[in-house]
Amino acid sequence: MGILSAMNAITVGAKPAIHDRNGTITWGSLDVRVNRVAHAMESIGLNPGDHVALLLRNGRECAEVALAAQRLGLVACPLNTWAKPKELEATIRNARPLVLFYDTAHAEAVARCAPPSVPLVAVGDMDNALDGSVSYEELIGEHGTHPPGPFVRQLVQARNFLELRFPPNHLSDEITDWLDEVWS
């Protein structure tokens, strides 16, 4: 999905990717934000194979975190926003996340269920965030918009696969140009 969303940013970048409570975000804008989230995740020390938990409503932030995790080789562990506290606590414990992204609408559940050692990133109204939470928007801030290193390695593998499977002129010019840009 990480590669497909990046390719959509090139081929249909101005078209809507997500409609949510905040409005509409295009594929191009989504790609920029996903790369920022990925760089923010790297900046807090997450490495391929690490687990991140998501207690987020359906929307752009959920997609951004999940896609960024894929681009870095992280394990995204979406949590059920309708789960009862005992279930949520067990799911978080089993997921072993190194960070938990949560919607402030679920702050009460996070306060009851999340281990105190897990850093929290809050999405939404920071007036309703738990003490010690980092703001999602502040975390991603002005991080880079270029693809993160692990994702570029995935792209190299994808390019090698495509070049083996398809004749040279079979890929669209947009995708070929984009792949060339990523490698330069």
Protein backbone atom coordinates (compact mmCIF):
# COMPACT_ATOMS: atom_id res chain seq x y z
CA MET A 1 0.00 0.00 0.00
CA GLY A 2 2.86 2.36 0.70
CA ILE A 3 4.13 2.04 -2.88
CA LEU A 4 0.64 2.25 -4.38
CA SER A 5 -0.19 5.43 -2.45
CA ALA A 6 3.09 7.00 -3.62
CA MET A 7 2.35 6.02 -7.22
CA ASN A 8 -1.16 7.48 -6.90
CA ALA A 9 0.42 10.73 -5.74
CA ILE A 10 2.21 10.91 -9.08
CA THR A 11 -0.40 9.61 -11.44
CA VAL A 12 -3.56 11.12 -9.88
CA GLY A 13 -2.05 13.51 -7.33
CA ALA A 14 -4.73 16.19 -7.56
CA LYS A 15 -7.60 13.74 -7.10
CA PRO A 16 -9.21 13.15 -3.71
CA ALA A 17 -7.69 10.34 -1.64
CA ILE A 18 -9.68 10.69 1.59
CA HIS A 19 -12.86 12.46 2.63
CA ASP A 20 -13.10 12.76 6.41
CA ARG A 21 -14.34 15.06 9.19
CA ASN A 22 -11.57 17.55 8.27
CA GLY A 23 -12.55 17.74 4.59
CA THR A 24 -10.75 16.27 1.61
CA ILE A 25 -7.07 15.50 1.10
CA THR A 26 -5.59 14.72 -2.32
CA TRP A 27 -3.21 11.87 -3.11
CA GLY A 28 -0.36 14.36 -3.53
CA SER A 29 -0.97 16.02 -0.16
CA LEU A 30 -1.43 12.64 1.51
CA ASP A 31 1.95 11.49 0.16
CA VAL A 32 3.68 14.59 1.56
CA ARG A 33 2.10 14.07 4.99
CA VAL A 34 2.88 10.32 5.01
CA ASN A 35 6.56 11.09 4.36
CA ARG A 36 6.53 13.66 7.19
CA VAL A 37 4.99 11.12 9.56
CA ALA A 38 7.60 8.53 8.50
CA HIS A 39 10.46 10.96 9.17
CA ALA A 40 8.90 11.86 12.54
CA MET A 41 8.73 8.17 13.42
CA GLU A 42 12.40 7.79 12.51
CA SER A 43 13.24 10.86 14.62
CA ILE A 44 11.77 9.26 17.75
CA GLY A 45 13.89 6.16 17.20
CA LEU A 46 11.48 3.69 15.60
CA ASN A 47 13.18 1.01 13.50
CA PRO A 48 11.95 -1.65 11.05
CA GLY A 49 10.04 -4.35 12.92
CA ASP A 50 9.00 -2.06 15.79
CA HIS A 51 5.29 -1.94 16.67
CA VAL A 52 3.12 1.18 16.73
CA ALA A 53 -0.47 1.12 18.02
CA LEU A 54 -3.27 3.20 16.50
CA LEU A 55 -6.43 4.05 18.43
CA LEU A 56 -7.68 6.44 15.78
CA ARG A 57 -10.97 7.19 14.12
CA ASN A 58 -11.27 6.52 10.40
CA GLY A 59 -9.66 9.44 8.62
CA ARG A 60 -6.47 10.90 7.24
CA GLU A 61 -4.39 10.50 10.40
CA CYS A 62 -5.14 6.79 10.58
CA ALA A 63 -4.15 6.38 6.92
CA GLU A 64 -1.04 8.56 7.36
CA VAL A 65 0.25 6.59 10.36
CA ALA A 66 -0.50 3.20 8.77
CA LEU A 67 1.14 4.14 5.45
CA ALA A 68 4.14 5.73 7.16
CA ALA A 69 4.59 2.56 9.22
CA GLN A 70 4.57 0.50 6.03
CA ARG A 71 7.13 2.77 4.39
CA LEU A 72 9.47 2.23 7.36
CA GLY A 73 8.88 -1.48 7.77
CA LEU A 74 7.11 -0.97 11.11
CA VAL A 75 4.22 -3.10 12.33
CA ALA A 76 1.06 -1.00 12.57
CA CYS A 77 -1.36 -2.38 15.17
CA PRO A 78 -4.80 -0.79 14.69
CA LEU A 79 -6.91 -0.97 17.84
CA ASN A 80 -10.69 -1.29 17.99
CA THR A 81 -12.16 2.06 19.05
CA TRP A 82 -15.27 0.20 20.24
CA ALA A 83 -13.39 -2.31 22.41
CA LYS A 84 -14.21 -2.60 26.09
CA PRO A 85 -11.41 -1.51 28.44
CA LYS A 86 -10.37 -5.07 29.34
CA GLU A 87 -10.18 -6.05 25.65
CA LEU A 88 -8.31 -2.87 24.74
CA GLU A 89 -5.81 -3.37 27.55
CA ALA A 90 -5.14 -6.96 26.46
CA THR A 91 -4.79 -5.93 22.81
CA ILE A 92 -2.31 -3.17 23.66
CA ARG A 93 -0.32 -5.54 25.86
CA ASN A 94 -0.20 -8.15 23.08
CA ALA A 95 0.77 -5.55 20.46
CA ARG A 96 3.80 -4.41 22.49
CA PRO A 97 3.83 -0.95 20.88
CA LEU A 98 6.76 1.41 21.28
CA VAL A 99 4.36 4.33 20.72
CA LEU A 100 0.58 4.74 20.73
CA PHE A 101 -1.17 7.18 18.39
CA TYR A 102 -4.63 8.01 19.76
CA ASP A 103 -7.54 10.27 18.99
CA THR A 104 -8.25 12.58 21.93
CA ALA A 105 -11.88 11.43 21.75
CA HIS A 106 -10.51 8.16 23.20
CA ALA A 107 -8.31 9.75 25.88
CA GLU A 108 -10.27 8.17 28.73
CA ALA A 109 -9.82 4.67 27.31
CA VAL A 110 -6.10 5.28 26.73
CA ALA A 111 -5.69 6.55 30.30
CA ARG A 112 -7.23 3.32 31.64
CA CYS A 113 -5.55 0.86 29.27
CA ALA A 114 -2.18 2.04 27.99
CA PRO A 115 0.95 1.07 29.91
CA PRO A 116 2.60 4.16 31.43
CA SER A 117 5.87 3.32 29.67
CA VAL A 118 4.37 3.73 26.16
CA PRO A 119 4.79 7.25 24.71
CA LEU A 120 1.52 8.80 23.51
CA VAL A 121 0.87 10.87 20.38
CA ALA A 122 -2.46 12.70 20.45
CA VAL A 123 -4.56 13.48 17.38
CA GLY A 124 -7.28 16.06 17.80
CA ASP A 125 -8.08 18.68 20.42
CA MET A 126 -5.01 18.97 22.64
CA ASP A 127 -7.19 20.39 25.44
CA ASN A 128 -8.54 16.83 25.76
CA ALA A 129 -5.15 15.10 25.45
CA LEU A 130 -3.60 13.15 28.29
CA ASP A 131 -0.73 14.71 30.22
CA GLY A 132 2.59 13.89 28.62
CA SER A 133 1.10 13.36 25.16
CA VAL A 134 2.86 14.81 22.14
CA SER A 135 0.71 16.60 19.58
CA TYR A 136 0.54 14.70 16.28
CA GLU A 137 0.77 17.91 14.25
CA GLU A 138 3.74 19.15 16.29
CA LEU A 139 5.45 15.77 15.96
CA ILE A 140 5.26 15.71 12.17
CA GLY A 141 5.91 19.47 11.99
CA GLU A 142 8.30 20.37 9.25
CA HIS A 143 9.92 16.98 8.79
CA GLY A 144 11.13 16.16 5.29
CA THR A 145 8.71 15.38 2.51
CA HIS A 146 11.06 13.14 0.50
CA PRO A 147 10.60 9.36 0.81
CA PRO A 148 12.36 7.88 3.86
CA GLY A 149 15.37 5.57 3.37
CA PRO A 150 13.65 2.22 4.03
CA PHE A 151 10.91 3.15 1.56
CA VAL A 152 13.46 4.03 -1.11
CA ARG A 153 14.94 0.53 -0.68
CA GLN A 154 11.43 -0.91 -1.19
CA LEU A 155 11.13 1.18 -4.34
CA VAL A 156 14.44 -0.17 -5.64
CA GLN A 157 13.12 -3.70 -5.20
CA ALA A 158 9.85 -2.74 -6.91
CA ARG A 159 11.69 -1.11 -9.80
CA ASN A 160 13.90 -4.17 -10.27
CA PHE A 161 10.79 -6.36 -10.29
CA LEU A 162 9.01 -4.10 -12.80
CA GLU A 163 12.02 -3.96 -15.10
CA LEU A 164 12.22 -7.75 -15.13
CA ARG A 165 8.50 -8.25 -15.73
CA PHE A 166 7.64 -5.50 -18.21
CA PRO A 167 9.18 -4.30 -21.47
CA PRO A 168 11.02 -0.95 -21.17
CA ASN A 169 8.23 1.16 -22.70
CA HIS A 170 5.38 -0.53 -20.86
CA LEU A 171 5.42 1.71 -17.75
CA SER A 172 3.81 5.15 -17.90
CA ASP A 173 6.10 8.15 -18.34
CA GLU A 174 4.92 9.58 -14.98
CA ILE A 175 5.93 6.44 -13.08
CA THR A 176 9.24 6.09 -14.96
CA ASP A 177 10.08 9.77 -14.32
CA TRP A 178 9.16 9.43 -10.66
CA LEU A 179 11.29 6.32 -10.21
CA ASP A 180 14.21 8.12 -11.86
CA GLU A 181 13.70 11.12 -9.54
CA VAL A 182 13.69 8.93 -6.42
CA TRP A 183 17.01 7.34 -7.45
CA SER A 184 18.75 10.63 -8.17
